[in-house]
């Protein structure tokens, strides 16, 4: 399970805001923690999607310029690499269940139901 502390430490925030949220965490209601977690996951998912698009665009540009050729597998490997970078930042790489949870949360935040 990914902790709120890990989410807050990984989510791009100013040091001041991060410290304030971490300090308030013990006194937050479950609803406040839930909403904060949703905001963190949405933010992390957005950052992930932006980085993914940037890498896809770079690879497509290199192909268009004739500099390199990439296969579908190369794109999948790049996507997996980015995913694992995010998982490492959340210190979720210790168990496979946590890795699956990170992936689910990134996808869920990207495509809310």
C-alpha atoms as a PDB file:
ATOM      1  CA  UNK A   1       0.000   0.000   0.000  1.00  0.00           C
ATOM      2  CA  UNK A   2       1.299   3.423  -0.933  1.00  0.00           C
ATOM      3  CA  UNK A   3       1.260   5.761   2.065  1.00  0.00           C
ATOM      4  CA  UNK A   4       0.064   9.353   2.028  1.00  0.00           C
ATOM      5  CA  UNK A   5       3.535  10.392   3.132  1.00  0.00           C
ATOM      6  CA  UNK A   6       5.058   8.711   0.066  1.00  0.00           C
ATOM      7  CA  UNK A   7       2.481  10.342  -2.196  1.00  0.00           C
ATOM      8  CA  UNK A   8       3.115  13.778  -0.737  1.00  0.00           C
ATOM      9  CA  UNK A   9       6.883  13.376  -0.934  1.00  0.00           C
ATOM     10  CA  UNK A  10       6.676  12.325  -4.595  1.00  0.00           C
ATOM     11  CA  UNK A  11       4.029  14.760  -5.823  1.00  0.00           C
ATOM     12  CA  UNK A  12       5.576  17.921  -7.282  1.00  0.00           C
ATOM     13  CA  UNK A  13       4.912  20.520  -4.578  1.00  0.00           C
ATOM     14  CA  UNK A  14       6.869  23.388  -3.130  1.00  0.00           C
ATOM     15  CA  UNK A  15       8.816  22.403  -0.027  1.00  0.00           C
ATOM     16  CA  UNK A  16       6.633  24.755   2.002  1.00  0.00           C
ATOM     17  CA  UNK A  17       3.365  23.195   0.797  1.00  0.00           C
ATOM     18  CA  UNK A  18       4.700  19.662   1.183  1.00  0.00           C
ATOM     19  CA  UNK A  19       5.756  20.343   4.780  1.00  0.00           C
ATOM     20  CA  UNK A  20       2.396  21.952   5.564  1.00  0.00           C
ATOM     21  CA  UNK A  21       0.484  18.959   4.175  1.00  0.00           C
ATOM     22  CA  UNK A  22       2.688  16.461   6.004  1.00  0.00           C
ATOM     23  CA  UNK A  23       2.239  18.416   9.251  1.00  0.00           C
ATOM     24  CA  UNK A  24      -1.563  18.505   8.838  1.00  0.00           C
ATOM     25  CA  UNK A  25      -1.854  14.866   7.812  1.00  0.00           C
ATOM     26  CA  UNK A  26      -2.376  13.451  11.346  1.00  0.00           C
ATOM     27  CA  UNK A  27      -5.340  15.774  11.965  1.00  0.00           C
ATOM     28  CA  UNK A  28      -7.037  15.310   8.584  1.00  0.00           C
ATOM     29  CA  UNK A  29     -10.313  13.449   8.310  1.00  0.00           C
ATOM     30  CA  UNK A  30     -10.495  10.337   6.159  1.00  0.00           C
ATOM     31  CA  UNK A  31     -12.420  12.353   3.561  1.00  0.00           C
ATOM     32  CA  UNK A  32      -9.704  15.012   3.462  1.00  0.00           C
ATOM     33  CA  UNK A  33      -7.029  12.331   3.109  1.00  0.00           C
ATOM     34  CA  UNK A  34      -9.004  10.683   0.313  1.00  0.00           C
ATOM     35  CA  UNK A  35      -9.367  13.970  -1.574  1.00  0.00           C
ATOM     36  CA  UNK A  36      -5.694  14.780  -1.059  1.00  0.00           C
ATOM     37  CA  UNK A  37      -4.708  11.331  -2.346  1.00  0.00           C
ATOM     38  CA  UNK A  38      -6.877  11.852  -5.439  1.00  0.00           C
ATOM     39  CA  UNK A  39      -5.173  15.193  -6.099  1.00  0.00           C
ATOM     40  CA  UNK A  40      -1.731  13.625  -5.667  1.00  0.00           C
ATOM     41  CA  UNK A  41      -2.533  10.714  -8.004  1.00  0.00           C
ATOM     42  CA  UNK A  42      -4.036  13.050 -10.605  1.00  0.00           C
ATOM     43  CA  UNK A  43      -0.951  15.259 -10.450  1.00  0.00           C
ATOM     44  CA  UNK A  44       1.436  12.312 -10.697  1.00  0.00           C
ATOM     45  CA  UNK A  45      -0.578  10.847 -13.560  1.00  0.00           C
ATOM     46  CA  UNK A  46      -0.471  14.167 -15.410  1.00  0.00           C
ATOM     47  CA  UNK A  47       3.301  14.409 -14.965  1.00  0.00           C
ATOM     48  CA  UNK A  48       3.642  10.802 -16.162  1.00  0.00           C
ATOM     49  CA  UNK A  49       1.456  11.459 -19.227  1.00  0.00           C
ATOM     50  CA  UNK A  50       3.411  14.617 -20.109  1.00  0.00           C
ATOM     51  CA  UNK A  51       6.738  12.776 -19.851  1.00  0.00           C
ATOM     52  CA  UNK A  52       5.326   9.900 -21.895  1.00  0.00           C
ATOM     53  CA  UNK A  53       4.100  12.253 -24.629  1.00  0.00           C
ATOM     54  CA  UNK A  54       7.440  14.067 -24.662  1.00  0.00           C
ATOM     55  CA  UNK A  55       9.311  10.785 -25.171  1.00  0.00           C
ATOM     56  CA  UNK A  56       6.903   9.559 -27.867  1.00  0.00           C
ATOM     57  CA  UNK A  57       7.212  12.905 -29.663  1.00  0.00           C
ATOM     58  CA  UNK A  58      11.012  12.716 -29.465  1.00  0.00           C
ATOM     59  CA  UNK A  59      11.066   9.203 -30.875  1.00  0.00           C
ATOM     60  CA  UNK A  60       8.610  10.102 -33.633  1.00  0.00           C
ATOM     61  CA  UNK A  61      10.703  13.177 -34.525  1.00  0.00           C
ATOM     62  CA  UNK A  62      13.850  11.061 -34.759  1.00  0.00           C
ATOM     63  CA  UNK A  63      12.022   8.651 -37.056  1.00  0.00           C
ATOM     64  CA  UNK A  64      10.662  11.486 -39.214  1.00  0.00           C
ATOM     65  CA  UNK A  65      14.164  12.942 -39.549  1.00  0.00           C
ATOM     66  CA  UNK A  66      15.542   9.553 -40.538  1.00  0.00           C
ATOM     67  CA  UNK A  67      17.859   9.538 -37.545  1.00  0.00           C
ATOM     68  CA  UNK A  68      16.553   6.325 -35.985  1.00  0.00           C
ATOM     69  CA  UNK A  69      14.018   3.584 -36.500  1.00  0.00           C
ATOM     70  CA  UNK A  70      11.890   2.408 -33.591  1.00  0.00           C
ATOM     71  CA  UNK A  71       9.675  -0.636 -33.347  1.00  0.00           C
ATOM     72  CA  UNK A  72       6.447  -0.940 -31.409  1.00  0.00           C
ATOM     73  CA  UNK A  73       8.488  -2.815 -28.818  1.00  0.00           C
ATOM     74  CA  UNK A  74      10.834   0.187 -28.408  1.00  0.00           C
ATOM     75  CA  UNK A  75       7.829   2.372 -27.576  1.00  0.00           C
ATOM     76  CA  UNK A  76       6.539  -0.206 -25.086  1.00  0.00           C
ATOM     77  CA  UNK A  77       9.971  -0.412 -23.443  1.00  0.00           C
ATOM     78  CA  UNK A  78      10.132   3.372 -23.111  1.00  0.00           C
ATOM     79  CA  UNK A  79       6.663   3.402 -21.539  1.00  0.00           C
ATOM     80  CA  UNK A  80       7.655   0.649 -19.104  1.00  0.00           C
ATOM     81  CA  UNK A  81      10.850   2.511 -18.188  1.00  0.00           C
ATOM     82  CA  UNK A  82       8.909   5.673 -17.336  1.00  0.00           C
ATOM     83  CA  UNK A  83       6.410   3.660 -15.303  1.00  0.00           C
ATOM     84  CA  UNK A  84       9.186   2.034 -13.281  1.00  0.00           C
ATOM     85  CA  UNK A  85      10.836   5.420 -12.660  1.00  0.00           C
ATOM     86  CA  UNK A  86       7.594   6.645 -11.105  1.00  0.00           C
ATOM     87  CA  UNK A  87       7.231   3.461  -9.098  1.00  0.00           C
ATOM     88  CA  UNK A  88      10.762   3.834  -7.743  1.00  0.00           C
ATOM     89  CA  UNK A  89      10.046   7.390  -6.697  1.00  0.00           C
ATOM     90  CA  UNK A  90       7.122   6.098  -4.679  1.00  0.00           C
ATOM     91  CA  UNK A  91       9.365   3.459  -3.127  1.00  0.00           C
ATOM     92  CA  UNK A  92       6.852   0.911  -4.346  1.00  0.00           C
ATOM     93  CA  UNK A  93       9.375  -1.326  -6.012  1.00  0.00           C
ATOM     94  CA  UNK A  94       9.688  -3.478  -2.912  1.00  0.00           C
ATOM     95  CA  UNK A  95       6.662  -5.635  -3.734  1.00  0.00           C
ATOM     96  CA  UNK A  96       4.933  -6.550  -6.965  1.00  0.00           C
ATOM     97  CA  UNK A  97       1.535  -5.729  -5.429  1.00  0.00           C
ATOM     98  CA  UNK A  98       2.652  -2.148  -4.845  1.00  0.00           C
ATOM     99  CA  UNK A  99       3.895  -1.899  -8.444  1.00  0.00           C
ATOM    100  CA  UNK A 100       0.508  -3.072  -9.710  1.00  0.00           C
ATOM    101  CA  UNK A 101      -1.205  -0.545  -7.422  1.00  0.00           C
ATOM    102  CA  UNK A 102       0.942   2.309  -8.782  1.00  0.00           C
ATOM    103  CA  UNK A 103       0.113   1.329 -12.358  1.00  0.00           C
ATOM    104  CA  UNK A 104      -3.620   1.088 -11.560  1.00  0.00           C
ATOM    105  CA  UNK A 105      -3.610   4.489  -9.872  1.00  0.00           C
ATOM    106  CA  UNK A 106      -1.754   6.153 -12.758  1.00  0.00           C
ATOM    107  CA  UNK A 107      -4.223   4.696 -15.257  1.00  0.00           C
ATOM    108  CA  UNK A 108      -7.271   5.406 -13.074  1.00  0.00           C
ATOM    109  CA  UNK A 109      -6.234   9.035 -12.611  1.00  0.00           C
ATOM    110  CA  UNK A 110      -5.730   9.377 -16.363  1.00  0.00           C
ATOM    111  CA  UNK A 111      -9.158   7.919 -17.198  1.00  0.00           C
ATOM    112  CA  UNK A 112     -11.552   8.676 -14.325  1.00  0.00           C
ATOM    113  CA  UNK A 113     -14.730   6.579 -14.399  1.00  0.00           C
END
